């Protein structure tokens, strides 16, 4: 996994997640695109759906879960660096 940085030197989480699609995950395609590939604002809803302005990935979508898991891992890495 490569952590992509923003201009301030911090991790650009959305760009990192977008570039690190987990190979081998086969799920029903989300149309017009999976929210993680969208440059707009993202939302994780209470019903566990993952949305952008254009699309919603269903709850228990494997790609969404992989992105959530990776987000938590990146957050832990960022927090550990501040200790």
PDB file of N, CA and C in Angstrom:
ATOM      1  N   UNK A   1       0.845  -1.172   0.000  1.00  0.00           N
ATOM      2  CA  UNK A   1       0.000   0.000   0.000  1.00  0.00           C
ATOM      3  C   UNK A   1       0.891   1.236   0.000  1.00  0.00           C
ATOM      4  N   UNK A   2       0.569   2.175  -0.831  1.00  0.00           N
ATOM      5  CA  UNK A   2       1.289   3.437  -0.897  1.00  0.00           C
ATOM      6  C   UNK A   2       0.383   4.519  -0.342  1.00  0.00           C
ATOM      7  N   UNK A   3       0.866   5.254   0.663  1.00  0.00           N
ATOM      8  CA  UNK A   3       0.096   6.363   1.216  1.00  0.00           C
ATOM      9  C   UNK A   3       0.343   7.594   0.367  1.00  0.00           C
ATOM     10  N   UNK A   4      -0.716   8.124  -0.232  1.00  0.00           N
ATOM     11  CA  UNK A   4      -0.592   9.319  -1.056  1.00  0.00           C
ATOM     12  C   UNK A   4      -0.734  10.542  -0.170  1.00  0.00           C
ATOM     13  N   UNK A   5       0.150  11.504  -0.341  1.00  0.00           N
ATOM     14  CA  UNK A   5       0.186  12.702   0.493  1.00  0.00           C
ATOM     15  C   UNK A   5      -0.534  13.859  -0.187  1.00  0.00           C
ATOM     16  N   UNK A   6      -1.071  14.774   0.636  1.00  0.00           N
ATOM     17  CA  UNK A   6      -1.636  16.006   0.098  1.00  0.00           C
ATOM     18  C   UNK A   6      -0.557  17.087   0.132  1.00  0.00           C
ATOM     19  N   UNK A   7      -0.890  18.300  -0.264  1.00  0.00           N
ATOM     20  CA  UNK A   7       0.105  19.372  -0.345  1.00  0.00           C
ATOM     21  C   UNK A   7       0.712  19.740   1.002  1.00  0.00           C
ATOM     22  N   UNK A   8      -0.025  19.511   2.089  1.00  0.00           N
ATOM     23  CA  UNK A   8       0.491  19.842   3.415  1.00  0.00           C
ATOM     24  C   UNK A   8       1.378  18.740   3.989  1.00  0.00           C
ATOM     25  N   UNK A   9       1.479  17.624   3.279  1.00  0.00           N
ATOM     26  CA  UNK A   9       2.306  16.522   3.753  1.00  0.00           C
ATOM     27  C   UNK A   9       1.535  15.452   4.490  1.00  0.00           C
ATOM     28  N   UNK A  10       0.229  15.668   4.726  1.00  0.00           N
ATOM     29  CA  UNK A  10      -0.602  14.665   5.386  1.00  0.00           C
ATOM     30  C   UNK A  10      -1.083  13.622   4.381  1.00  0.00           C
ATOM     31  N   UNK A  11      -1.647  12.559   4.889  1.00  0.00           N
ATOM     32  CA  UNK A  11      -2.158  11.503   4.031  1.00  0.00           C
ATOM     33  C   UNK A  11      -3.454  11.960   3.374  1.00  0.00           C
ATOM     34  N   UNK A  12      -3.537  11.814   2.069  1.00  0.00           N
ATOM     35  CA  UNK A  12      -4.779  12.074   1.340  1.00  0.00           C
ATOM     36  C   UNK A  12      -5.527  10.751   1.324  1.00  0.00           C
ATOM     37  N   UNK A  13      -6.432  10.593   2.294  1.00  0.00           N
ATOM     38  CA  UNK A  13      -7.109   9.319   2.500  1.00  0.00           C
ATOM     39  C   UNK A  13      -7.904   8.892   1.280  1.00  0.00           C
ATOM     40  N   UNK A  14      -8.670   9.788   0.697  1.00  0.00           N
ATOM     41  CA  UNK A  14      -9.508   9.408  -0.429  1.00  0.00           C
ATOM     42  C   UNK A  14      -8.669   8.974  -1.625  1.00  0.00           C
ATOM     43  N   UNK A  15      -7.599   9.687  -1.904  1.00  0.00           N
ATOM     44  CA  UNK A  15      -6.725   9.308  -3.020  1.00  0.00           C
ATOM     45  C   UNK A  15      -6.043   7.969  -2.745  1.00  0.00           C
ATOM     46  N   UNK A  16      -5.632   7.741  -1.499  1.00  0.00           N
ATOM     47  CA  UNK A  16      -5.004   6.472  -1.133  1.00  0.00           C
ATOM     48  C   UNK A  16      -5.978   5.326  -1.319  1.00  0.00           C
ATOM     49  N   UNK A  17      -7.212   5.502  -0.844  1.00  0.00           N
ATOM     50  CA  UNK A  17      -8.211   4.438  -0.973  1.00  0.00           C
ATOM     51  C   UNK A  17      -8.544   4.171  -2.438  1.00  0.00           C
ATOM     52  N   UNK A  18      -8.676   5.226  -3.197  1.00  0.00           N
ATOM     53  CA  UNK A  18      -9.009   5.088  -4.618  1.00  0.00           C
ATOM     54  C   UNK A  18      -7.921   4.307  -5.360  1.00  0.00           C
ATOM     55  N   UNK A  19      -6.672   4.546  -5.010  1.00  0.00           N
ATOM     56  CA  UNK A  19      -5.562   3.905  -5.714  1.00  0.00           C
ATOM     57  C   UNK A  19      -5.292   2.493  -5.232  1.00  0.00           C
ATOM     58  N   UNK A  20      -5.868   2.116  -4.115  1.00  0.00           N
ATOM     59  CA  UNK A  20      -5.545   0.799  -3.545  1.00  0.00           C
ATOM     60  C   UNK A  20      -6.749  -0.126  -3.550  1.00  0.00           C
ATOM     61  N   UNK A  21      -7.463  -0.157  -4.659  1.00  0.00           N
ATOM     62  CA  UNK A  21      -8.575  -1.088  -4.791  1.00  0.00           C
ATOM     63  C   UNK A  21      -8.058  -2.492  -4.556  1.00  0.00           C
ATOM     64  N   UNK A  22      -8.761  -3.223  -3.737  1.00  0.00           N
ATOM     65  CA  UNK A  22      -8.314  -4.557  -3.360  1.00  0.00           C
ATOM     66  C   UNK A  22      -8.552  -5.528  -4.518  1.00  0.00           C
ATOM     67  N   UNK A  23      -7.482  -6.094  -5.086  1.00  0.00           N
ATOM     68  CA  UNK A  23      -7.678  -7.048  -6.174  1.00  0.00           C
ATOM     69  C   UNK A  23      -8.332  -8.322  -5.656  1.00  0.00           C
ATOM     70  N   UNK A  24      -9.130  -8.922  -6.486  1.00  0.00           N
ATOM     71  CA  UNK A  24      -9.760 -10.178  -6.104  1.00  0.00           C
ATOM     72  C   UNK A  24     -11.145 -10.006  -5.504  1.00  0.00           C
ATOM     73  N   UNK A  25     -11.518  -8.784  -5.135  1.00  0.00           N
ATOM     74  CA  UNK A  25     -12.858  -8.568  -4.604  1.00  0.00           C
ATOM     75  C   UNK A  25     -13.813  -8.462  -5.785  1.00  0.00           C
ATOM     76  N   UNK A  26     -14.769  -9.353  -5.805  1.00  0.00           N
ATOM     77  CA  UNK A  26     -15.759  -9.343  -6.875  1.00  0.00           C
ATOM     78  C   UNK A  26     -17.109  -9.050  -6.234  1.00  0.00           C
ATOM     79  N   UNK A  27     -17.652  -7.897  -6.552  1.00  0.00           N
ATOM     80  CA  UNK A  27     -18.961  -7.520  -6.026  1.00  0.00           C
ATOM     81  C   UNK A  27     -19.815  -6.999  -7.167  1.00  0.00           C
ATOM     82  N   UNK A  28     -21.090  -6.910  -6.897  1.00  0.00           N
ATOM     83  CA  UNK A  28     -21.998  -6.313  -7.877  1.00  0.00           C
ATOM     84  C   UNK A  28     -21.537  -4.889  -8.140  1.00  0.00           C
ATOM     85  N   UNK A  29     -21.365  -4.504  -9.394  1.00  0.00           N
ATOM     86  CA  UNK A  29     -20.894  -3.141  -9.675  1.00  0.00           C
ATOM     87  C   UNK A  29     -21.887  -2.088  -9.197  1.00  0.00           C
ATOM     88  N   UNK A  30     -21.334  -0.980  -8.714  1.00  0.00           N
ATOM     89  CA  UNK A  30     -22.141   0.162  -8.290  1.00  0.00           C
ATOM     90  C   UNK A  30     -22.115   1.156  -9.443  1.00  0.00           C
ATOM     91  N   UNK A  31     -23.272   1.580  -9.880  1.00  0.00           N
ATOM     92  CA  UNK A  31     -23.380   2.498 -11.024  1.00  0.00           C
ATOM     93  C   UNK A  31     -23.747   3.894 -10.571  1.00  0.00           C
ATOM     94  N   UNK A  32     -23.225   4.971 -11.140  1.00  0.00           N
ATOM     95  CA  UNK A  32     -22.289   4.997 -12.256  1.00  0.00           C
ATOM     96  C   UNK A  32     -20.856   4.700 -11.833  1.00  0.00           C
ATOM     97  N   UNK A  33     -20.556   4.721 -10.540  1.00  0.00           N
ATOM     98  CA  UNK A  33     -19.222   4.399 -10.038  1.00  0.00           C
ATOM     99  C   UNK A  33     -19.316   4.113  -8.547  1.00  0.00           C
ATOM    100  N   UNK A  34     -18.324   3.401  -8.021  1.00  0.00           N
ATOM    101  CA  UNK A  34     -18.282   3.183  -6.569  1.00  0.00           C
ATOM    102  C   UNK A  34     -17.944   4.519  -5.927  1.00  0.00           C
ATOM    103  N   UNK A  35     -18.598   4.861  -4.816  1.00  0.00           N
ATOM    104  CA  UNK A  35     -18.353   6.163  -4.190  1.00  0.00           C
ATOM    105  C   UNK A  35     -16.881   6.465  -3.883  1.00  0.00           C
ATOM    106  N   UNK A  36     -16.058   5.458  -3.595  1.00  0.00           N
ATOM    107  CA  UNK A  36     -14.664   5.738  -3.244  1.00  0.00           C
ATOM    108  C   UNK A  36     -13.902   6.346  -4.407  1.00  0.00           C
ATOM    109  N   UNK A  37     -14.378   6.148  -5.631  1.00  0.00           N
ATOM    110  CA  UNK A  37     -13.701   6.715  -6.787  1.00  0.00           C
ATOM    111  C   UNK A  37     -14.185   8.125  -7.105  1.00  0.00           C
ATOM    112  N   UNK A  38     -15.124   8.639  -6.338  1.00  0.00           N
ATOM    113  CA  UNK A  38     -15.701   9.965  -6.580  1.00  0.00           C
ATOM    114  C   UNK A  38     -14.862  11.041  -5.887  1.00  0.00           C
ATOM    115  N   UNK A  39     -14.714  12.166  -6.544  1.00  0.00           N
ATOM    116  CA  UNK A  39     -13.973  13.280  -5.953  1.00  0.00           C
ATOM    117  C   UNK A  39     -14.848  14.114  -5.025  1.00  0.00           C
ATOM    118  N   UNK A  40     -16.135  13.813  -4.978  1.00  0.00           N
ATOM    119  CA  UNK A  40     -17.060  14.577  -4.133  1.00  0.00           C
ATOM    120  C   UNK A  40     -17.030  14.126  -2.685  1.00  0.00           C
ATOM    121  N   UNK A  41     -17.957  14.670  -1.909  1.00  0.00           N
ATOM    122  CA  UNK A  41     -18.061  14.315  -0.497  1.00  0.00           C
ATOM    123  C   UNK A  41     -18.616  12.903  -0.345  1.00  0.00           C
ATOM    124  N   UNK A  42     -18.080  12.182   0.631  1.00  0.00           N
ATOM    125  CA  UNK A  42     -18.493  10.809   0.896  1.00  0.00           C
ATOM    126  C   UNK A  42     -19.248  10.737   2.215  1.00  0.00           C
ATOM    127  N   UNK A  43     -20.166   9.767   2.307  1.00  0.00           N
ATOM    128  CA  UNK A  43     -20.934   9.567   3.535  1.00  0.00           C
ATOM    129  C   UNK A  43     -21.055   8.075   3.820  1.00  0.00           C
ATOM    130  N   UNK A  44     -20.858   7.700   5.075  1.00  0.00           N
ATOM    131  CA  UNK A  44     -21.160   6.353   5.532  1.00  0.00           C
ATOM    132  C   UNK A  44     -22.428   6.493   6.354  1.00  0.00           C
ATOM    133  N   UNK A  45     -23.532   5.967   5.837  1.00  0.00           N
ATOM    134  CA  UNK A  45     -24.847   6.156   6.447  1.00  0.00           C
ATOM    135  C   UNK A  45     -25.046   5.199   7.622  1.00  0.00           C
ATOM    136  N   UNK A  46     -26.050   5.490   8.453  1.00  0.00           N
ATOM    137  CA  UNK A  46     -26.362   4.643   9.612  1.00  0.00           C
ATOM    138  C   UNK A  46     -26.735   3.222   9.201  1.00  0.00           C
ATOM    139  N   UNK A  47     -27.307   3.061   8.004  1.00  0.00           N
ATOM    140  CA  UNK A  47     -27.680   1.721   7.533  1.00  0.00           C
ATOM    141  C   UNK A  47     -26.506   0.996   6.872  1.00  0.00           C
ATOM    142  N   UNK A  48     -25.311   1.571   6.989  1.00  0.00           N
ATOM    143  CA  UNK A  48     -24.049   1.011   6.508  1.00  0.00           C
ATOM    144  C   UNK A  48     -23.876   1.120   4.998  1.00  0.00           C
ATOM    145  N   UNK A  49     -24.735   1.891   4.329  1.00  0.00           N
ATOM    146  CA  UNK A  49     -24.499   2.157   2.918  1.00  0.00           C
ATOM    147  C   UNK A  49     -23.450   3.259   2.822  1.00  0.00           C
ATOM    148  N   UNK A  50     -22.703   3.247   1.738  1.00  0.00           N
ATOM    149  CA  UNK A  50     -21.612   4.189   1.507  1.00  0.00           C
ATOM    150  C   UNK A  50     -21.990   4.992   0.282  1.00  0.00           C
ATOM    151  N   UNK A  51     -22.042   6.316   0.389  1.00  0.00           N
ATOM    152  CA  UNK A  51     -22.606   7.129  -0.683  1.00  0.00           C
ATOM    153  C   UNK A  51     -21.734   8.318  -1.046  1.00  0.00           C
ATOM    154  N   UNK A  52     -21.905   8.743  -2.294  1.00  0.00           N
ATOM    155  CA  UNK A  52     -21.424  10.033  -2.767  1.00  0.00           C
ATOM    156  C   UNK A  52     -22.648  10.724  -3.352  1.00  0.00           C
ATOM    157  N   UNK A  53     -22.457  11.831  -4.043  1.00  0.00           N
ATOM    158  CA  UNK A  53     -23.587  12.545  -4.635  1.00  0.00           C
ATOM    159  C   UNK A  53     -24.237  11.761  -5.772  1.00  0.00           C
ATOM    160  N   UNK A  54     -23.518  10.789  -6.345  1.00  0.00           N
ATOM    161  CA  UNK A  54     -23.965  10.128  -7.566  1.00  0.00           C
ATOM    162  C   UNK A  54     -24.394   8.684  -7.387  1.00  0.00           C
ATOM    163  N   UNK A  55     -23.913   8.021  -6.340  1.00  0.00           N
ATOM    164  CA  UNK A  55     -24.138   6.583  -6.215  1.00  0.00           C
ATOM    165  C   UNK A  55     -24.127   6.162  -4.752  1.00  0.00           C
ATOM    166  N   UNK A  56     -24.691   4.993  -4.506  1.00  0.00           N
ATOM    167  CA  UNK A  56     -24.682   4.400  -3.169  1.00  0.00           C
ATOM    168  C   UNK A  56     -24.286   2.940  -3.287  1.00  0.00           C
ATOM    169  N   UNK A  57     -23.276   2.557  -2.512  1.00  0.00           N
ATOM    170  CA  UNK A  57     -22.882   1.153  -2.433  1.00  0.00           C
ATOM    171  C   UNK A  57     -23.694   0.512  -1.318  1.00  0.00           C
ATOM    172  N   UNK A  58     -24.212  -0.678  -1.540  1.00  0.00           N
ATOM    173  CA  UNK A  58     -25.052  -1.314  -0.525  1.00  0.00           C
ATOM    174  C   UNK A  58     -24.271  -1.676   0.737  1.00  0.00           C
ATOM    175  N   UNK A  59     -25.001  -1.854   1.820  1.00  0.00           N
ATOM    176  CA  UNK A  59     -24.387  -2.329   3.070  1.00  0.00           C
ATOM    177  C   UNK A  59     -23.722  -3.678   2.797  1.00  0.00           C
ATOM    178  N   UNK A  60     -22.652  -3.942   3.489  1.00  0.00           N
ATOM    179  CA  UNK A  60     -21.883  -5.183   3.366  1.00  0.00           C
ATOM    180  C   UNK A  60     -21.188  -5.336   2.016  1.00  0.00           C
ATOM    181  N   UNK A  61     -21.013  -4.247   1.289  1.00  0.00           N
ATOM    182  CA  UNK A  61     -20.262  -4.280   0.036  1.00  0.00           C
ATOM    183  C   UNK A  61     -18.793  -4.517   0.380  1.00  0.00           C
ATOM    184  N   UNK A  62     -18.174  -5.517  -0.224  1.00  0.00           N
ATOM    185  CA  UNK A  62     -16.802  -5.894   0.137  1.00  0.00           C
ATOM    186  C   UNK A  62     -15.798  -4.781  -0.137  1.00  0.00           C
ATOM    187  N   UNK A  63     -15.976  -4.054  -1.221  1.00  0.00           N
ATOM    188  CA  UNK A  63     -15.041  -2.959  -1.519  1.00  0.00           C
ATOM    189  C   UNK A  63     -15.170  -1.864  -0.471  1.00  0.00           C
ATOM    190  N   UNK A  64     -16.398  -1.553  -0.070  1.00  0.00           N
ATOM    191  CA  UNK A  64     -16.606  -0.552   0.978  1.00  0.00           C
ATOM    192  C   UNK A  64     -15.941  -1.003   2.267  1.00  0.00           C
ATOM    193  N   UNK A  65     -16.135  -2.262   2.642  1.00  0.00           N
ATOM    194  CA  UNK A  65     -15.544  -2.770   3.882  1.00  0.00           C
ATOM    195  C   UNK A  65     -14.033  -2.709   3.830  1.00  0.00           C
ATOM    196  N   UNK A  66     -13.457  -3.039   2.680  1.00  0.00           N
ATOM    197  CA  UNK A  66     -12.001  -2.958   2.541  1.00  0.00           C
ATOM    198  C   UNK A  66     -11.527  -1.519   2.711  1.00  0.00           C
ATOM    199  N   UNK A  67     -12.285  -0.563   2.176  1.00  0.00           N
ATOM    200  CA  UNK A  67     -11.920   0.850   2.316  1.00  0.00           C
ATOM    201  C   UNK A  67     -12.032   1.316   3.764  1.00  0.00           C
ATOM    202  N   UNK A  68     -13.081   0.871   4.462  1.00  0.00           N
ATOM    203  CA  UNK A  68     -13.239   1.231   5.873  1.00  0.00           C
ATOM    204  C   UNK A  68     -12.081   0.645   6.687  1.00  0.00           C
ATOM    205  N   UNK A  69     -11.761  -0.614   6.441  1.00  0.00           N
ATOM    206  CA  UNK A  69     -10.658  -1.260   7.160  1.00  0.00           C
ATOM    207  C   UNK A  69      -9.339  -0.529   6.904  1.00  0.00           C
ATOM    208  N   UNK A  70      -9.093  -0.172   5.648  1.00  0.00           N
ATOM    209  CA  UNK A  70      -7.863   0.538   5.298  1.00  0.00           C
ATOM    210  C   UNK A  70      -7.840   1.928   5.931  1.00  0.00           C
ATOM    211  N   UNK A  71      -8.996   2.585   5.968  1.00  0.00           N
ATOM    212  CA  UNK A  71      -9.080   3.911   6.596  1.00  0.00           C
ATOM    213  C   UNK A  71      -8.691   3.847   8.065  1.00  0.00           C
ATOM    214  N   UNK A  72      -9.182   2.831   8.759  1.00  0.00           N
ATOM    215  CA  UNK A  72      -8.859   2.671  10.177  1.00  0.00           C
ATOM    216  C   UNK A  72      -7.360   2.411  10.344  1.00  0.00           C
ATOM    217  N   UNK A  73      -6.790   1.583   9.473  1.00  0.00           N
ATOM    218  CA  UNK A  73      -5.355   1.299   9.548  1.00  0.00           C
ATOM    219  C   UNK A  73      -4.536   2.572   9.317  1.00  0.00           C
ATOM    220  N   UNK A  74      -4.933   3.373   8.340  1.00  0.00           N
ATOM    221  CA  UNK A  74      -4.210   4.621   8.071  1.00  0.00           C
ATOM    222  C   UNK A  74      -4.346   5.583   9.251  1.00  0.00           C
ATOM    223  N   UNK A  75      -5.517   5.650   9.844  1.00  0.00           N
ATOM    224  CA  UNK A  75      -5.719   6.507  11.007  1.00  0.00           C
ATOM    225  C   UNK A  75      -4.802   6.086  12.153  1.00  0.00           C
ATOM    226  N   UNK A  76      -4.689   4.804  12.389  1.00  0.00           N
ATOM    227  CA  UNK A  76      -3.804   4.305  13.453  1.00  0.00           C
ATOM    228  C   UNK A  76      -2.353   4.675  13.147  1.00  0.00           C
ATOM    229  N   UNK A  77      -1.954   4.532  11.878  1.00  0.00           N
ATOM    230  CA  UNK A  77      -0.580   4.910  11.488  1.00  0.00           C
ATOM    231  C   UNK A  77      -0.345   6.392  11.747  1.00  0.00           C
ATOM    232  N   UNK A  78      -1.301   7.236  11.338  1.00  0.00           N
ATOM    233  CA  UNK A  78      -1.172   8.681  11.532  1.00  0.00           C
ATOM    234  C   UNK A  78      -1.098   9.014  13.022  1.00  0.00           C
ATOM    235  N   UNK A  79      -1.933   8.400  13.836  1.00  0.00           N
ATOM    236  CA  UNK A  79      -1.932   8.661  15.277  1.00  0.00           C
ATOM    237  C   UNK A  79      -0.629   8.195  15.917  1.00  0.00           C
ATOM    238  N   UNK A  80      -0.124   7.044  15.492  1.00  0.00           N
ATOM    239  CA  UNK A  80       1.114   6.506  16.061  1.00  0.00           C
ATOM    240  C   UNK A  80       2.295   7.442  15.768  1.00  0.00           C
ATOM    241  N   UNK A  81       2.280   8.087  14.603  1.00  0.00           N
ATOM    242  CA  UNK A  81       3.371   8.995  14.257  1.00  0.00           C
ATOM    243  C   UNK A  81       3.371  10.241  15.138  1.00  0.00           C
ATOM    244  N   UNK A  82       2.234  10.559  15.732  1.00  0.00           N
ATOM    245  CA  UNK A  82       2.124  11.759  16.579  1.00  0.00           C
ATOM    246  C   UNK A  82       2.535  11.472  18.029  1.00  0.00           C
ATOM    247  N   UNK A  83       2.759  10.211  18.369  1.00  0.00           N
ATOM    248  CA  UNK A  83       3.141   9.862  19.749  1.00  0.00           C
ATOM    249  C   UNK A  83       4.590  10.178  20.015  1.00  0.00           C
TER     250      UNK A  83
END
